[in-house]
């Protein structure tokens, strides 16, 4: 059980405090409720761009990293389709440094045209490295366009096209900042050997003066049910043929999310998982194959991806995947197989929460989902899933019309 206190400042900033006296390190996690899904469809990539800009100096602090290092701290950040998360770890005696740094860049960034151009170049190069210059790098970019029609999950976190970042103006960037980087659109979590009253005083001192902002967060369109299978064939200069499938599934708080997540583990978690045992080791249809859920807040995708073995046709590979999927409802899994994957999830949760930073980030994310106490109760939702639930959802989920498929055809061989 992870205990915590929470309160909200007058300007809307949500604050969570978790006391852990076993560590001298304090984690300060600041989650902003803005991700790629909140972007203007004509100006994508802004959420990720800000992950870079936020370390490039604020109103009163020109060098964020240097000031933190002087306090013995470390920091980093990440952006997803749903959120942007900034985190700091530092010795508990220097905790006020984190409040000073984070509050100043929430108040106002020191963005100039020169700084903006530098970070644009960094992001564009990252786009090229991630999607264009990496083997099989563009498949998820293409999968999103194939699977989604109206929801902004149709573009990746880094954006649809680097040109949208290249031509972004300073005014557009500033407007994005003031709309989303607001105290009333953020969650602050402090975890470590701290007292709630201490954090309340620091939060009021450093974040309290920042005014609540008039945020304009547009409602997101619901993705309609996919009723026709989507298919695309690509030819690329890669060594192996590959198959990528995406099935629409529940979002993070959906009733069937945990069942789908367990199915992904049954299929692909570890050497003894079904896809690995049957398609890689026994049939040797694939050199490797994986299944996982994207885990997004709104309805996301259940992904199956694999590289075909030499001499195996796409038709053979597709049939072998279908056979394994169909077995989930034609021959329902044994209780002990389901118990095994449930236990693995519980063990991973326990291990991950030994780390003070992980606890802070998990508390912030659960609070964004609606209740920080989900950190303590979510395992119960996994444990409640039955073998009948697995069979029923597998049959519903792996419907051909619910599937978007990419055949990634190697240009280096004559394999079909």
Protein backbone atom coordinates (compact mmCIF):
# COMPACT_ATOMS: atom_id res chain seq x y z
CA UNK A 1 0.00 0.00 0.00
CA UNK A 2 1.39 3.36 -1.05
CA UNK A 3 0.13 6.06 1.28
CA UNK A 4 -0.13 9.67 0.17
CA UNK A 5 -1.70 13.02 0.95
CA UNK A 6 -3.06 15.40 -1.63
CA UNK A 7 -4.25 18.97 -1.80
CA UNK A 8 -4.95 21.61 -4.45
CA UNK A 9 -3.58 25.15 -4.54
CA UNK A 10 -5.88 28.09 -5.17
CA UNK A 11 -4.56 28.33 -8.74
CA UNK A 12 -5.63 24.75 -9.47
CA UNK A 13 -2.29 22.92 -9.15
CA UNK A 14 -2.89 19.42 -7.82
CA UNK A 15 -0.24 18.29 -5.33
CA UNK A 16 0.41 14.76 -4.04
CA UNK A 17 2.87 13.90 -1.27
CA UNK A 18 4.20 10.40 -0.59
CA UNK A 19 6.45 9.97 2.42
CA UNK A 20 9.23 7.36 2.22
CA UNK A 21 11.79 7.69 5.00
CA UNK A 22 13.97 4.87 3.62
CA UNK A 23 15.67 7.04 1.01
CA UNK A 24 17.68 10.29 1.20
CA UNK A 25 16.64 11.09 -2.37
CA UNK A 26 13.48 13.03 -3.17
CA UNK A 27 11.62 12.70 -6.47
CA UNK A 28 9.75 15.74 -7.78
CA UNK A 29 7.49 14.85 -10.68
CA UNK A 30 5.50 17.43 -12.63
CA UNK A 31 2.94 16.11 -15.09
CA UNK A 32 1.24 18.42 -17.57
CA UNK A 33 -2.02 17.18 -19.05
CA UNK A 34 -0.96 17.80 -22.62
CA UNK A 35 0.25 15.33 -25.20
CA UNK A 36 0.21 14.89 -28.94
CA UNK A 37 -3.56 14.30 -28.89
CA UNK A 38 -4.12 17.93 -27.82
CA UNK A 39 -2.30 19.48 -30.77
CA UNK A 40 -3.68 21.39 -33.71
CA UNK A 41 -3.82 18.86 -36.59
CA UNK A 42 -2.00 21.45 -38.72
CA UNK A 43 0.75 21.96 -36.15
CA UNK A 44 1.64 18.61 -34.68
CA UNK A 45 4.75 17.83 -32.67
CA UNK A 46 4.40 20.82 -30.33
CA UNK A 47 4.05 18.76 -27.14
CA UNK A 48 7.31 16.99 -27.88
CA UNK A 49 8.99 20.23 -28.95
CA UNK A 50 8.24 21.65 -25.51
CA UNK A 51 9.98 18.71 -23.89
CA UNK A 52 13.11 20.28 -25.38
CA UNK A 53 12.23 23.96 -24.93
CA UNK A 54 11.54 23.53 -21.21
CA UNK A 55 15.22 22.83 -20.60
CA UNK A 56 16.38 25.85 -22.58
CA UNK A 57 15.96 28.49 -19.93
CA UNK A 58 13.06 30.22 -18.19
CA UNK A 59 12.21 33.79 -17.21
CA UNK A 60 14.69 34.08 -14.36
CA UNK A 61 16.92 31.04 -14.83
CA UNK A 62 19.03 30.84 -17.96
CA UNK A 63 20.62 27.43 -17.30
CA UNK A 64 18.26 24.85 -15.80
CA UNK A 65 20.66 21.89 -15.86
CA UNK A 66 23.58 23.71 -14.31
CA UNK A 67 21.54 24.97 -11.36
CA UNK A 68 20.17 21.48 -10.73
CA UNK A 69 23.61 19.87 -10.92
CA UNK A 70 24.92 22.33 -8.35
CA UNK A 71 22.24 20.96 -6.03
CA UNK A 72 23.27 17.37 -6.74
CA UNK A 73 20.20 16.67 -8.82
CA UNK A 74 19.31 14.95 -12.08
CA UNK A 75 16.38 15.50 -14.41
CA UNK A 76 14.70 14.34 -17.56
CA UNK A 77 11.34 14.31 -19.30
CA UNK A 78 9.17 12.36 -21.69
CA UNK A 79 6.17 13.04 -23.90
CA UNK A 80 3.39 10.66 -24.90
CA UNK A 81 0.21 11.04 -26.89
CA UNK A 82 -1.56 11.81 -23.62
CA UNK A 83 0.81 13.80 -21.39
CA UNK A 84 4.18 15.45 -20.85
CA UNK A 85 6.14 14.53 -17.74
CA UNK A 86 9.13 16.30 -16.16
CA UNK A 87 11.01 14.77 -13.26
CA UNK A 88 13.83 15.64 -10.89
CA UNK A 89 15.66 13.60 -8.27
CA UNK A 90 17.90 15.29 -5.74
CA UNK A 91 19.06 15.09 -2.10
CA UNK A 92 16.24 15.92 0.30
CA UNK A 93 18.11 18.86 1.81
CA UNK A 94 18.09 20.57 -1.61
CA UNK A 95 14.45 19.99 -2.43
CA UNK A 96 13.65 23.69 -2.64
CA UNK A 97 15.90 23.96 -5.68
CA UNK A 98 13.48 21.72 -7.58
CA UNK A 99 10.52 23.92 -6.61
CA UNK A 100 12.42 27.05 -7.68
CA UNK A 101 13.37 25.59 -11.07
CA UNK A 102 10.02 24.00 -11.92
CA UNK A 103 7.93 26.97 -10.82
CA UNK A 104 10.01 29.43 -12.83
CA UNK A 105 9.61 27.54 -16.06
CA UNK A 106 5.88 27.08 -15.40
CA UNK A 107 5.64 30.85 -14.93
CA UNK A 108 7.36 31.84 -18.18
CA UNK A 109 9.89 30.39 -20.58
CA UNK A 110 12.77 32.37 -22.01
CA UNK A 111 12.04 31.37 -25.60
CA UNK A 112 13.73 33.41 -28.30
CA UNK A 113 13.70 32.93 -32.06
CA UNK A 114 17.29 31.71 -31.90
CA UNK A 115 16.55 29.12 -29.19
CA UNK A 116 13.43 28.00 -31.01
CA UNK A 117 15.34 27.43 -34.26
CA UNK A 118 17.97 25.36 -32.45
CA UNK A 119 15.38 23.10 -30.83
CA UNK A 120 13.46 22.78 -34.09
CA UNK A 121 16.60 21.40 -35.69
CA UNK A 122 17.08 18.96 -32.80
CA UNK A 123 13.50 17.67 -33.08
CA UNK A 124 13.65 17.36 -36.87
CA UNK A 125 16.87 15.36 -36.62
CA UNK A 126 15.25 13.14 -33.98
CA UNK A 127 12.33 12.58 -36.36
CA UNK A 128 14.71 11.54 -39.11
CA UNK A 129 16.65 9.21 -36.82
CA UNK A 130 13.54 7.61 -35.33
CA UNK A 131 11.46 7.12 -38.48
CA UNK A 132 13.52 7.58 -41.63
CA UNK A 133 17.01 6.33 -40.79
CA UNK A 134 16.12 3.40 -38.55
CA UNK A 135 15.34 -0.10 -39.89
CA UNK A 136 11.56 -0.60 -39.99
CA UNK A 137 11.35 2.79 -38.28
CA UNK A 138 8.26 4.15 -40.00
CA UNK A 139 5.85 1.28 -39.43
CA UNK A 140 4.09 2.76 -36.37
CA UNK A 141 3.83 6.14 -38.06
CA UNK A 142 2.04 4.42 -40.95
CA UNK A 143 -0.03 2.17 -38.67
CA UNK A 144 -1.55 5.16 -36.94
CA UNK A 145 -2.68 6.67 -40.24
CA UNK A 146 -4.08 3.30 -41.29
CA UNK A 147 -5.97 2.53 -38.09
CA UNK A 148 -7.38 5.95 -37.14
CA UNK A 149 -9.79 8.15 -39.07
CA UNK A 150 -10.64 11.06 -36.76
CA UNK A 151 -8.89 10.70 -33.39
CA UNK A 152 -5.56 12.54 -32.99
CA UNK A 153 -3.86 9.26 -32.15
CA UNK A 154 -3.50 9.13 -35.93
CA UNK A 155 -0.17 10.96 -35.55
CA UNK A 156 2.81 10.01 -33.35
CA UNK A 157 4.12 11.99 -30.42
CA UNK A 158 6.89 13.55 -32.45
CA UNK A 159 4.38 14.85 -35.04
CA UNK A 160 3.08 14.01 -38.50
CA UNK A 161 5.65 15.86 -40.56
CA UNK A 162 8.80 17.73 -39.52
CA UNK A 163 7.75 20.61 -41.77
CA UNK A 164 5.02 21.46 -39.24
CA UNK A 165 7.74 22.07 -36.65
CA UNK A 166 10.06 23.77 -39.14
CA UNK A 167 7.50 26.47 -39.95
CA UNK A 168 6.16 26.96 -36.42
CA UNK A 169 6.28 30.60 -35.35
CA UNK A 170 7.33 32.00 -31.99
CA UNK A 171 3.78 33.29 -31.46
CA UNK A 172 2.33 29.80 -32.05
CA UNK A 173 4.81 28.28 -29.62
CA UNK A 174 4.07 30.87 -26.92
CA UNK A 175 0.34 30.39 -27.39
CA UNK A 176 0.72 26.63 -26.91
CA UNK A 177 2.73 27.18 -23.74
CA UNK A 178 0.27 29.51 -22.05
CA UNK A 179 -2.69 27.35 -22.99
CA UNK A 180 -1.35 24.07 -21.61
CA UNK A 181 1.54 24.81 -19.24
CA UNK A 182 -0.74 26.13 -16.55
CA UNK A 183 -0.94 25.27 -12.85
CA UNK A 184 -4.57 24.29 -13.35
CA UNK A 185 -3.47 21.78 -16.01
CA UNK A 186 -0.71 20.11 -13.96
CA UNK A 187 -0.10 17.56 -11.22
CA UNK A 188 2.88 17.86 -8.88
CA UNK A 189 4.04 14.79 -6.96
CA UNK A 190 6.77 14.86 -4.32
CA UNK A 191 7.99 11.51 -2.97
CA UNK A 192 10.70 10.81 -0.41
CA UNK A 193 11.63 11.66 3.17
CA UNK A 194 9.36 14.70 3.31
CA UNK A 195 6.45 15.98 5.39
CA UNK A 196 3.15 17.04 3.86
CA UNK A 197 3.12 20.40 5.64
CA UNK A 198 6.65 21.08 4.40
CA UNK A 199 5.56 20.42 0.80
CA UNK A 200 2.40 22.47 1.26
CA UNK A 201 4.48 25.47 2.30
CA UNK A 202 6.96 25.04 -0.56
CA UNK A 203 4.17 24.59 -3.11
CA UNK A 204 2.40 27.74 -1.93
CA UNK A 205 5.65 29.70 -1.84
CA UNK A 206 6.87 28.81 -5.31
CA UNK A 207 3.81 27.79 -7.33
CA UNK A 208 1.08 29.68 -5.48
CA UNK A 209 1.85 33.09 -7.10
CA UNK A 210 1.52 31.67 -10.63
CA UNK A 211 -1.93 32.69 -11.87
CA UNK A 212 -4.52 30.22 -13.02
CA UNK A 213 -4.73 30.39 -16.78
CA UNK A 214 -7.69 30.44 -19.10
CA UNK A 215 -6.97 27.16 -20.81
CA UNK A 216 -8.85 26.12 -23.94
CA UNK A 217 -8.71 22.34 -24.23
CA UNK A 218 -10.89 21.10 -27.06
CA UNK A 219 -12.87 17.89 -26.67
CA UNK A 220 -11.41 15.03 -28.68
CA UNK A 221 -13.42 13.26 -31.38
CA UNK A 222 -14.33 9.65 -30.62
CA UNK A 223 -12.87 7.18 -33.09
CA UNK A 224 -15.73 5.34 -34.84
CA UNK A 225 -15.86 1.57 -34.83
CA UNK A 226 -13.72 0.08 -37.59
CA UNK A 227 -16.02 -2.07 -39.70
CA UNK A 228 -13.73 -2.86 -42.64
CA UNK A 229 -10.28 -4.41 -42.43
CA UNK A 230 -7.46 -2.06 -43.46
CA UNK A 231 -4.42 -3.28 -45.38
CA UNK A 232 -1.27 -1.74 -46.78
CA UNK A 233 1.80 -3.23 -48.45
CA UNK A 234 5.13 -1.40 -48.28
CA UNK A 235 8.38 -2.24 -49.99
CA UNK A 236 11.50 -1.21 -48.14
CA UNK A 237 15.21 -1.92 -48.32
CA UNK A 238 15.19 -4.07 -45.17
CA UNK A 239 16.61 -7.57 -44.62
CA UNK A 240 13.39 -9.40 -43.63
CA UNK A 241 9.72 -9.33 -44.45
CA UNK A 242 7.60 -8.17 -41.53
CA UNK A 243 3.95 -8.15 -40.50
CA UNK A 244 2.35 -5.50 -38.31
CA UNK A 245 -1.23 -5.74 -37.06
CA UNK A 246 -3.20 -3.20 -35.02
CA UNK A 247 -6.56 -4.02 -33.40
CA UNK A 248 -8.71 -1.33 -31.80
CA UNK A 249 -9.19 -1.88 -28.07
CA UNK A 250 -10.35 -0.15 -24.89
CA UNK A 251 -8.56 2.86 -23.49
CA UNK A 252 -6.71 2.88 -20.20
CA UNK A 253 -9.86 3.15 -18.07
CA UNK A 254 -12.05 0.93 -20.24
CA UNK A 255 -13.74 -2.12 -18.73
CA UNK A 256 -11.84 -4.51 -20.99
CA UNK A 257 -8.42 -2.88 -20.87
CA UNK A 258 -6.96 -5.18 -18.23
CA UNK A 259 -8.24 -8.26 -20.01
CA UNK A 260 -6.58 -7.14 -23.25
CA UNK A 261 -3.35 -6.42 -21.41
CA UNK A 262 -3.37 -9.94 -19.94
CA UNK A 263 -3.99 -11.39 -23.41
CA UNK A 264 -0.89 -9.59 -24.67
CA UNK A 265 1.14 -11.22 -21.89
CA UNK A 266 -0.30 -14.66 -22.61
CA UNK A 267 0.72 -14.25 -26.22
CA UNK A 268 4.08 -12.61 -25.84
CA UNK A 269 5.51 -12.20 -22.33
CA UNK A 270 8.59 -14.38 -21.98
CA UNK A 271 10.10 -17.45 -23.57
CA UNK A 272 7.11 -19.64 -22.69
CA UNK A 273 4.50 -17.30 -24.22
CA UNK A 274 2.29 -18.71 -26.96
CA UNK A 275 3.54 -16.73 -29.94
CA UNK A 276 7.16 -17.39 -29.07
CA UNK A 277 6.71 -21.09 -28.32
CA UNK A 278 4.55 -21.92 -31.32
CA UNK A 279 5.57 -19.53 -34.10
CA UNK A 280 9.26 -19.02 -33.31
CA UNK A 281 10.45 -22.20 -31.61
CA UNK A 282 8.13 -24.90 -32.97
CA UNK A 283 6.98 -23.79 -36.42
CA UNK A 284 9.88 -21.38 -37.06
CA UNK A 285 7.52 -19.15 -39.03
CA UNK A 286 8.96 -16.02 -37.45
CA UNK A 287 12.42 -15.07 -36.28
CA UNK A 288 10.71 -13.01 -33.57
CA UNK A 289 7.16 -11.90 -32.83
CA UNK A 290 5.64 -9.73 -30.11
CA UNK A 291 2.25 -8.59 -28.88
CA UNK A 292 1.52 -5.58 -26.66
CA UNK A 293 -0.99 -2.83 -25.99
CA UNK A 294 -0.25 0.84 -26.63
CA UNK A 295 -1.82 1.67 -23.25
CA UNK A 296 -3.20 5.07 -24.16
CA UNK A 297 -5.89 6.88 -22.18
CA UNK A 298 -8.38 6.94 -25.04
CA UNK A 299 -9.11 3.72 -26.98
CA UNK A 300 -5.79 2.50 -28.34
CA UNK A 301 -4.33 -0.42 -30.25
CA UNK A 302 -3.42 -4.02 -29.55
CA UNK A 303 -0.27 -4.57 -31.63
CA UNK A 304 1.17 -7.78 -33.06
CA UNK A 305 4.48 -7.42 -34.90
CA UNK A 306 6.88 -10.00 -36.25
CA UNK A 307 9.75 -10.63 -38.68
CA UNK A 308 9.19 -13.56 -41.04
CA UNK A 309 11.68 -16.41 -41.32
CA UNK A 310 13.45 -16.95 -44.62
CA UNK A 311 11.23 -18.68 -47.17
CA UNK A 312 7.95 -18.10 -45.29
CA UNK A 313 5.23 -16.37 -47.31
CA UNK A 314 2.99 -13.65 -45.94
CA UNK A 315 0.02 -16.00 -46.37
CA UNK A 316 1.69 -18.69 -44.25
CA UNK A 317 2.66 -16.18 -41.62
CA UNK A 318 -0.82 -14.67 -41.42
CA UNK A 319 -2.41 -18.11 -41.11
CA UNK A 320 -0.04 -19.07 -38.30
CA UNK A 321 -0.90 -15.92 -36.32
CA UNK A 322 -4.62 -16.51 -36.83
CA UNK A 323 -4.29 -20.07 -35.56
CA UNK A 324 -2.70 -18.93 -32.31
CA UNK A 325 -5.27 -16.17 -31.80
CA UNK A 326 -8.21 -18.47 -32.49
CA UNK A 327 -6.93 -20.94 -29.90
CA UNK A 328 -7.63 -18.33 -27.23
CA UNK A 329 -11.37 -18.82 -27.62
CA UNK A 330 -11.60 -22.25 -29.24
CA UNK A 331 -9.45 -23.82 -26.52
CA UNK A 332 -9.79 -21.55 -23.48
CA UNK A 333 -6.66 -21.13 -21.45
CA UNK A 334 -6.04 -23.09 -18.26
CA UNK A 335 -6.40 -21.39 -14.91
CA UNK A 336 -2.71 -21.80 -14.13
CA UNK A 337 -1.66 -20.05 -17.35
CA UNK A 338 -3.81 -17.05 -16.49
CA UNK A 339 -2.61 -17.09 -12.88
CA UNK A 340 0.98 -17.01 -14.09
CA UNK A 341 0.57 -13.81 -16.12
CA UNK A 342 -1.44 -12.18 -13.33
CA UNK A 343 1.34 -12.94 -10.87
CA UNK A 344 3.93 -11.54 -13.28
CA UNK A 345 2.04 -8.26 -13.43
CA UNK A 346 1.86 -8.07 -9.64
CA UNK A 347 5.58 -8.82 -9.29
CA UNK A 348 6.49 -6.15 -11.88
CA UNK A 349 4.38 -3.63 -10.00
CA UNK A 350 6.06 -4.39 -6.69
CA UNK A 351 9.55 -4.26 -8.20
CA UNK A 352 8.89 -1.00 -10.06
CA UNK A 353 7.71 0.73 -6.91
CA UNK A 354 10.92 0.09 -5.01
CA UNK A 355 12.23 3.09 -6.94
CA UNK A 356 11.09 6.40 -5.45
CA UNK A 357 10.88 8.10 -8.85
CA UNK A 358 8.67 5.35 -10.26
CA UNK A 359 6.29 5.79 -7.36
CA UNK A 360 6.10 9.52 -7.99
CA UNK A 361 5.46 9.11 -11.71
CA UNK A 362 2.86 6.38 -11.13
CA UNK A 363 1.01 8.53 -8.62
CA UNK A 364 0.92 11.44 -11.06
CA UNK A 365 -0.35 9.26 -13.89
CA UNK A 366 -3.03 7.59 -11.76
CA UNK A 367 -4.21 11.02 -10.62
CA UNK A 368 -4.49 12.09 -14.24
CA UNK A 369 -6.57 8.97 -14.88
CA UNK A 370 -8.92 10.15 -12.16
CA UNK A 371 -7.64 8.89 -8.81
CA UNK A 372 -4.10 8.51 -7.49
CA UNK A 373 -5.31 5.57 -5.37
CA UNK A 374 -5.44 3.47 -8.56
CA UNK A 375 -1.78 2.83 -7.77
CA UNK A 376 -3.05 0.62 -4.93
CA UNK A 377 -6.15 -0.92 -6.51
CA UNK A 378 -5.36 -1.63 -10.14
CA UNK A 379 -3.88 -5.07 -9.47
CA UNK A 380 -7.34 -6.08 -8.23
CA UNK A 381 -8.73 -5.36 -11.70
CA UNK A 382 -6.19 -7.74 -13.22
CA UNK A 383 -6.89 -10.39 -10.59
CA UNK A 384 -10.63 -10.19 -11.31
CA UNK A 385 -10.22 -11.28 -14.96
CA UNK A 386 -11.40 -14.84 -15.63
CA UNK A 387 -10.54 -17.39 -18.30
CA UNK A 388 -14.03 -16.81 -19.72
CA UNK A 389 -13.27 -13.08 -19.99
CA UNK A 390 -10.09 -13.89 -21.93
CA UNK A 391 -11.92 -16.13 -24.39
CA UNK A 392 -14.79 -13.69 -24.92
CA UNK A 393 -12.60 -10.66 -25.49
CA UNK A 394 -10.15 -12.53 -27.73
CA UNK A 395 -12.98 -13.50 -30.07
CA UNK A 396 -14.31 -9.94 -30.10
CA UNK A 397 -10.94 -8.20 -30.32
CA UNK A 398 -9.32 -10.28 -33.03
CA UNK A 399 -12.11 -9.79 -35.55
CA UNK A 400 -10.71 -9.34 -39.07
CA UNK A 401 -12.72 -6.17 -39.63
CA UNK A 402 -11.17 -4.67 -36.49
CA UNK A 403 -7.67 -5.17 -37.83
CA UNK A 404 -5.28 -2.88 -39.71
CA UNK A 405 -2.40 -4.79 -41.31
CA UNK A 406 0.88 -3.70 -42.83
CA UNK A 407 2.97 -6.09 -44.92
CA UNK A 408 6.48 -4.70 -44.80
CA UNK A 409 8.08 -6.32 -47.82
CA UNK A 410 11.84 -6.64 -48.05
CA UNK A 411 13.41 -5.30 -51.22
CA UNK A 412 16.61 -7.24 -50.53
CA UNK A 413 15.23 -10.70 -51.26
CA UNK A 414 12.80 -12.45 -53.54
CA UNK A 415 10.69 -13.79 -50.67
CA UNK A 416 6.96 -13.44 -51.15
